[in-house]
Amino acid sequence: MLSKNITFILFALILTSCVTTSNIPTEVSSEIPDDANAIELYSTESPSDFYKTIYQHLASEGFSISQENSEMGTFSTGFKEVGQETTLKIDVFVEKDNNGSKATLRGSWNVTSSMGAGITAATGASLGGTSAERASWDQSGRPKVAFGEMAVIAKEIEYQKLEYISD
């Protein structure tokens, strides 16, 4: 039992150690509310045009597209490394809004496959590529890093208004 507790503690320390949001520009991090876990972007573009704008931007940022349904206004990226052995996947939903369209971005994070292999070797616990956790600003470590990186990416997309939400 003591061995399992030590393994769990070591595992938790590896996941959170040395992970900071210092790479997120202050002008971005200072405006994110503590409880934010999604981002809404508003545009005067039609939903289909805004969908294309976001799709093209994420592709130009190096994200692969893993699933898409343009008729429903949804797509998901594959995981991309965003630094500090952390990967980010973004789910996008674009819909009609009063003055054009609204896109909701939600992120998921995981560790890189090399970090997952290192954790497995060190602790015997499997991680990396097996499950994803929700990115959110109200947590510390990798969930916060992933959300912050998603916020930086979202701010580079052409939009009329950006809101951070908690749902």
C-alpha atoms as a PDB file:
ATOM      1  CA  MET A   1       0.000   0.000   0.000  1.00  0.00           C
ATOM      2  CA  LEU A   2       2.812   2.434   0.862  1.00  0.00           C
ATOM      3  CA  SER A   3       4.448   1.656  -2.493  1.00  0.00           C
ATOM      4  CA  LYS A   4       1.242   2.597  -4.365  1.00  0.00           C
ATOM      5  CA  ASN A   5       0.934   5.856  -2.394  1.00  0.00           C
ATOM      6  CA  ILE A   6       4.524   6.815  -3.165  1.00  0.00           C
ATOM      7  CA  THR A   7       3.995   5.974  -6.843  1.00  0.00           C
ATOM      8  CA  PHE A   8       0.849   8.138  -6.931  1.00  0.00           C
ATOM      9  CA  ILE A   9       2.609  11.064  -5.230  1.00  0.00           C
ATOM     10  CA  LEU A  10       5.561  10.796  -7.619  1.00  0.00           C
ATOM     11  CA  PHE A  11       3.157  10.630 -10.551  1.00  0.00           C
ATOM     12  CA  ALA A  12       1.313  13.794  -9.388  1.00  0.00           C
ATOM     13  CA  LEU A  13       4.578  15.668  -8.859  1.00  0.00           C
ATOM     14  CA  ILE A  14       5.822  14.791 -12.336  1.00  0.00           C
ATOM     15  CA  LEU A  15       2.608  16.070 -13.919  1.00  0.00           C
ATOM     16  CA  THR A  16       2.672  19.441 -12.174  1.00  0.00           C
ATOM     17  CA  SER A  17       6.325  20.184 -11.514  1.00  0.00           C
ATOM     18  CA  CYS A  18       8.099  22.924 -13.415  1.00  0.00           C
ATOM     19  CA  VAL A  19       4.998  23.872 -15.391  1.00  0.00           C
ATOM     20  CA  THR A  20       4.271  27.588 -15.404  1.00  0.00           C
ATOM     21  CA  THR A  21       2.185  30.036 -17.377  1.00  0.00           C
ATOM     22  CA  SER A  22       5.134  32.403 -17.756  1.00  0.00           C
ATOM     23  CA  ASN A  23       5.074  31.864 -21.536  1.00  0.00           C
ATOM     24  CA  ILE A  24       1.566  33.342 -21.734  1.00  0.00           C
ATOM     25  CA  PRO A  25       1.864  37.094 -22.424  1.00  0.00           C
ATOM     26  CA  THR A  26       0.761  39.200 -19.460  1.00  0.00           C
ATOM     27  CA  GLU A  27      -1.709  41.136 -21.614  1.00  0.00           C
ATOM     28  CA  VAL A  28      -3.485  37.821 -22.279  1.00  0.00           C
ATOM     29  CA  SER A  29      -3.181  36.150 -18.864  1.00  0.00           C
ATOM     30  CA  SER A  30      -4.284  39.251 -16.969  1.00  0.00           C
ATOM     31  CA  GLU A  31      -7.661  39.373 -18.716  1.00  0.00           C
ATOM     32  CA  ILE A  32      -8.610  35.700 -18.252  1.00  0.00           C
ATOM     33  CA  PRO A  33     -11.089  35.226 -15.376  1.00  0.00           C
ATOM     34  CA  ASP A  34     -10.043  32.628 -12.794  1.00  0.00           C
ATOM     35  CA  ASP A  35     -12.954  30.297 -13.593  1.00  0.00           C
ATOM     36  CA  ALA A  36     -12.647  30.355 -17.410  1.00  0.00           C
ATOM     37  CA  ASN A  37     -12.795  27.019 -19.216  1.00  0.00           C
ATOM     38  CA  ALA A  38     -13.987  28.036 -22.692  1.00  0.00           C
ATOM     39  CA  ILE A  39     -13.658  30.945 -25.094  1.00  0.00           C
ATOM     40  CA  GLU A  40     -16.371  32.504 -27.228  1.00  0.00           C
ATOM     41  CA  LEU A  41     -15.434  34.508 -30.305  1.00  0.00           C
ATOM     42  CA  TYR A  42     -18.009  36.675 -32.065  1.00  0.00           C
ATOM     43  CA  SER A  43     -17.786  37.751 -35.693  1.00  0.00           C
ATOM     44  CA  THR A  44     -19.849  39.598 -38.259  1.00  0.00           C
ATOM     45  CA  GLU A  45     -18.916  36.845 -40.760  1.00  0.00           C
ATOM     46  CA  SER A  46     -21.465  34.210 -41.667  1.00  0.00           C
ATOM     47  CA  PRO A  47     -21.111  30.985 -39.683  1.00  0.00           C
ATOM     48  CA  SER A  48     -19.666  29.147 -42.697  1.00  0.00           C
ATOM     49  CA  ASP A  49     -17.099  31.896 -43.333  1.00  0.00           C
ATOM     50  CA  PHE A  50     -16.143  32.148 -39.649  1.00  0.00           C
ATOM     51  CA  TYR A  51     -15.801  28.352 -39.533  1.00  0.00           C
ATOM     52  CA  LYS A  52     -13.349  28.569 -42.452  1.00  0.00           C
ATOM     53  CA  THR A  53     -11.460  31.454 -40.828  1.00  0.00           C
ATOM     54  CA  ILE A  54     -10.911  29.525 -37.605  1.00  0.00           C
ATOM     55  CA  TYR A  55     -10.211  26.243 -39.405  1.00  0.00           C
ATOM     56  CA  GLN A  56      -7.574  27.874 -41.611  1.00  0.00           C
ATOM     57  CA  HIS A  57      -5.980  29.700 -38.679  1.00  0.00           C
ATOM     58  CA  LEU A  58      -5.624  26.568 -36.582  1.00  0.00           C
ATOM     59  CA  ALA A  59      -4.250  24.645 -39.559  1.00  0.00           C
ATOM     60  CA  SER A  60      -1.715  27.437 -40.170  1.00  0.00           C
ATOM     61  CA  GLU A  61      -0.696  27.165 -36.501  1.00  0.00           C
ATOM     62  CA  GLY A  62       0.241  23.530 -37.107  1.00  0.00           C
ATOM     63  CA  PHE A  63      -2.866  21.814 -35.757  1.00  0.00           C
ATOM     64  CA  SER A  64      -4.107  18.810 -37.681  1.00  0.00           C
ATOM     65  CA  ILE A  65      -7.870  18.439 -38.016  1.00  0.00           C
ATOM     66  CA  SER A  66      -9.014  15.127 -36.559  1.00  0.00           C
ATOM     67  CA  GLN A  67     -12.784  15.440 -36.989  1.00  0.00           C
ATOM     68  CA  GLU A  68     -15.013  17.875 -38.802  1.00  0.00           C
ATOM     69  CA  ASN A  69     -18.626  18.410 -39.696  1.00  0.00           C
ATOM     70  CA  SER A  70     -18.981  21.721 -41.507  1.00  0.00           C
ATOM     71  CA  GLU A  71     -22.764  21.328 -41.769  1.00  0.00           C
ATOM     72  CA  MET A  72     -22.994  21.194 -37.970  1.00  0.00           C
ATOM     73  CA  GLY A  73     -20.284  23.853 -37.569  1.00  0.00           C
ATOM     74  CA  THR A  74     -17.964  21.616 -35.551  1.00  0.00           C
ATOM     75  CA  PHE A  75     -14.404  20.423 -35.800  1.00  0.00           C
ATOM     76  CA  SER A  76     -11.709  19.129 -33.503  1.00  0.00           C
ATOM     77  CA  THR A  77      -7.996  19.421 -33.878  1.00  0.00           C
ATOM     78  CA  GLY A  78      -5.496  16.731 -33.103  1.00  0.00           C
ATOM     79  CA  PHE A  79      -3.158  17.228 -30.156  1.00  0.00           C
ATOM     80  CA  LYS A  80      -0.274  19.622 -30.734  1.00  0.00           C
ATOM     81  CA  GLU A  81       2.629  20.274 -28.390  1.00  0.00           C
ATOM     82  CA  VAL A  82       2.369  23.769 -26.910  1.00  0.00           C
ATOM     83  CA  GLY A  83       5.437  23.666 -24.676  1.00  0.00           C
ATOM     84  CA  GLN A  84       6.482  22.253 -21.328  1.00  0.00           C
ATOM     85  CA  GLU A  85       5.721  18.679 -22.457  1.00  0.00           C
ATOM     86  CA  THR A  86       2.033  19.657 -22.749  1.00  0.00           C
ATOM     87  CA  THR A  87      -0.244  19.045 -25.725  1.00  0.00           C
ATOM     88  CA  LEU A  88      -3.440  20.879 -26.642  1.00  0.00           C
ATOM     89  CA  LYS A  89      -6.490  19.781 -28.628  1.00  0.00           C
ATOM     90  CA  ILE A  90      -9.176  22.334 -29.501  1.00  0.00           C
ATOM     91  CA  ASP A  91     -12.859  21.587 -30.097  1.00  0.00           C
ATOM     92  CA  VAL A  92     -14.662  24.301 -32.078  1.00  0.00           C
ATOM     93  CA  PHE A  93     -18.391  24.903 -32.490  1.00  0.00           C
ATOM     94  CA  VAL A  94     -19.540  27.738 -34.775  1.00  0.00           C
ATOM     95  CA  GLU A  95     -23.163  28.836 -34.818  1.00  0.00           C
ATOM     96  CA  LYS A  96     -25.326  31.695 -36.046  1.00  0.00           C
ATOM     97  CA  ASP A  97     -25.568  34.672 -33.727  1.00  0.00           C
ATOM     98  CA  ASN A  98     -27.666  37.843 -33.864  1.00  0.00           C
ATOM     99  CA  ASN A  99     -25.034  39.878 -35.701  1.00  0.00           C
ATOM    100  CA  GLY A 100     -23.198  37.116 -37.557  1.00  0.00           C
ATOM    101  CA  SER A 101     -21.708  34.131 -35.783  1.00  0.00           C
ATOM    102  CA  LYS A 102     -20.280  32.847 -32.529  1.00  0.00           C
ATOM    103  CA  ALA A 103     -17.541  30.255 -32.107  1.00  0.00           C
ATOM    104  CA  THR A 104     -16.993  28.379 -28.864  1.00  0.00           C
ATOM    105  CA  LEU A 105     -13.529  26.933 -28.283  1.00  0.00           C
ATOM    106  CA  ARG A 106     -12.872  24.294 -25.627  1.00  0.00           C
ATOM    107  CA  GLY A 107      -9.488  22.773 -25.015  1.00  0.00           C
ATOM    108  CA  SER A 108      -8.193  19.453 -23.769  1.00  0.00           C
ATOM    109  CA  TRP A 109      -4.658  18.756 -22.643  1.00  0.00           C
ATOM    110  CA  ASN A 110      -2.382  15.799 -22.251  1.00  0.00           C
ATOM    111  CA  VAL A 111       1.321  15.226 -21.836  1.00  0.00           C
ATOM    112  CA  THR A 112       3.563  14.570 -24.813  1.00  0.00           C
ATOM    113  CA  SER A 113       4.178  10.947 -25.715  1.00  0.00           C
ATOM    114  CA  SER A 114       7.803  11.224 -24.567  1.00  0.00           C
ATOM    115  CA  MET A 115       6.679  12.559 -21.178  1.00  0.00           C
ATOM    116  CA  GLY A 116       4.084   9.786 -20.971  1.00  0.00           C
ATOM    117  CA  ALA A 117       6.759   7.181 -21.713  1.00  0.00           C
ATOM    118  CA  GLY A 118       8.990   8.679 -19.016  1.00  0.00           C
ATOM    119  CA  ILE A 119       6.182   8.576 -16.467  1.00  0.00           C
ATOM    120  CA  THR A 120       5.435   4.967 -17.373  1.00  0.00           C
ATOM    121  CA  ALA A 121       9.103   4.035 -17.003  1.00  0.00           C
ATOM    122  CA  ALA A 122       9.447   5.863 -13.676  1.00  0.00           C
ATOM    123  CA  THR A 123       6.198   4.854 -12.009  1.00  0.00           C
ATOM    124  CA  GLY A 124       4.670   2.014 -13.961  1.00  0.00           C
ATOM    125  CA  ALA A 125       1.578   4.190 -14.458  1.00  0.00           C
ATOM    126  CA  SER A 126       0.541   4.589 -18.086  1.00  0.00           C
ATOM    127  CA  LEU A 127      -0.063   8.103 -19.377  1.00  0.00           C
ATOM    128  CA  GLY A 128       0.373  10.009 -22.609  1.00  0.00           C
ATOM    129  CA  GLY A 129      -2.016   9.657 -25.487  1.00  0.00           C
ATOM    130  CA  THR A 130      -4.520   7.571 -23.528  1.00  0.00           C
ATOM    131  CA  SER A 131      -6.857  10.205 -22.130  1.00  0.00           C
ATOM    132  CA  ALA A 132      -7.281  13.923 -22.213  1.00  0.00           C
ATOM    133  CA  GLU A 133      -8.282  16.317 -19.481  1.00  0.00           C
ATOM    134  CA  ARG A 134     -10.175  19.559 -19.871  1.00  0.00           C
ATOM    135  CA  ALA A 135      -8.058  22.691 -20.191  1.00  0.00           C
ATOM    136  CA  SER A 136      -9.115  25.415 -17.755  1.00  0.00           C
ATOM    137  CA  TRP A 137      -7.659  28.526 -16.205  1.00  0.00           C
ATOM    138  CA  ASP A 138      -8.895  27.700 -12.678  1.00  0.00           C
ATOM    139  CA  GLN A 139      -6.393  24.857 -12.261  1.00  0.00           C
ATOM    140  CA  SER A 140      -2.652  24.976 -11.959  1.00  0.00           C
ATOM    141  CA  GLY A 141      -0.027  23.270 -14.073  1.00  0.00           C
ATOM    142  CA  ARG A 142      -0.799  21.742 -17.450  1.00  0.00           C
ATOM    143  CA  PRO A 143      -4.561  22.487 -17.582  1.00  0.00           C
ATOM    144  CA  LYS A 144      -3.778  26.184 -17.088  1.00  0.00           C
ATOM    145  CA  VAL A 145      -0.884  26.159 -19.577  1.00  0.00           C
ATOM    146  CA  ALA A 146      -3.090  24.538 -22.233  1.00  0.00           C
ATOM    147  CA  PHE A 147      -5.926  27.006 -21.652  1.00  0.00           C
ATOM    148  CA  GLY A 148      -3.537  29.955 -21.739  1.00  0.00           C
ATOM    149  CA  GLU A 149      -2.039  28.758 -25.015  1.00  0.00           C
ATOM    150  CA  MET A 150      -5.552  28.352 -26.441  1.00  0.00           C
ATOM    151  CA  ALA A 151      -6.309  31.948 -25.393  1.00  0.00           C
ATOM    152  CA  VAL A 152      -3.165  33.200 -27.172  1.00  0.00           C
ATOM    153  CA  ILE A 153      -4.204  31.337 -30.335  1.00  0.00           C
ATOM    154  CA  ALA A 154      -7.807  32.587 -30.114  1.00  0.00           C
ATOM    155  CA  LYS A 155      -6.656  36.206 -29.844  1.00  0.00           C
ATOM    156  CA  GLU A 156      -4.809  35.822 -33.164  1.00  0.00           C
ATOM    157  CA  ILE A 157      -8.053  34.940 -34.997  1.00  0.00           C
ATOM    158  CA  GLU A 158      -9.924  37.842 -36.561  1.00  0.00           C
ATOM    159  CA  TYR A 159     -13.020  38.468 -34.421  1.00  0.00           C
ATOM    160  CA  GLN A 160     -15.277  41.307 -33.223  1.00  0.00           C
ATOM    161  CA  LYS A 161     -15.537  40.313 -29.552  1.00  0.00           C
ATOM    162  CA  LEU A 162     -13.934  37.690 -27.291  1.00  0.00           C
ATOM    163  CA  GLU A 163     -15.431  36.412 -24.047  1.00  0.00           C
ATOM    164  CA  TYR A 164     -14.071  33.906 -21.558  1.00  0.00           C
ATOM    165  CA  ILE A 165     -16.757  31.680 -20.132  1.00  0.00           C
ATOM    166  CA  SER A 166     -17.219  29.097 -17.440  1.00  0.00           C
ATOM    167  CA  ASP A 167     -19.690  26.301 -18.027  1.00  0.00           C
END
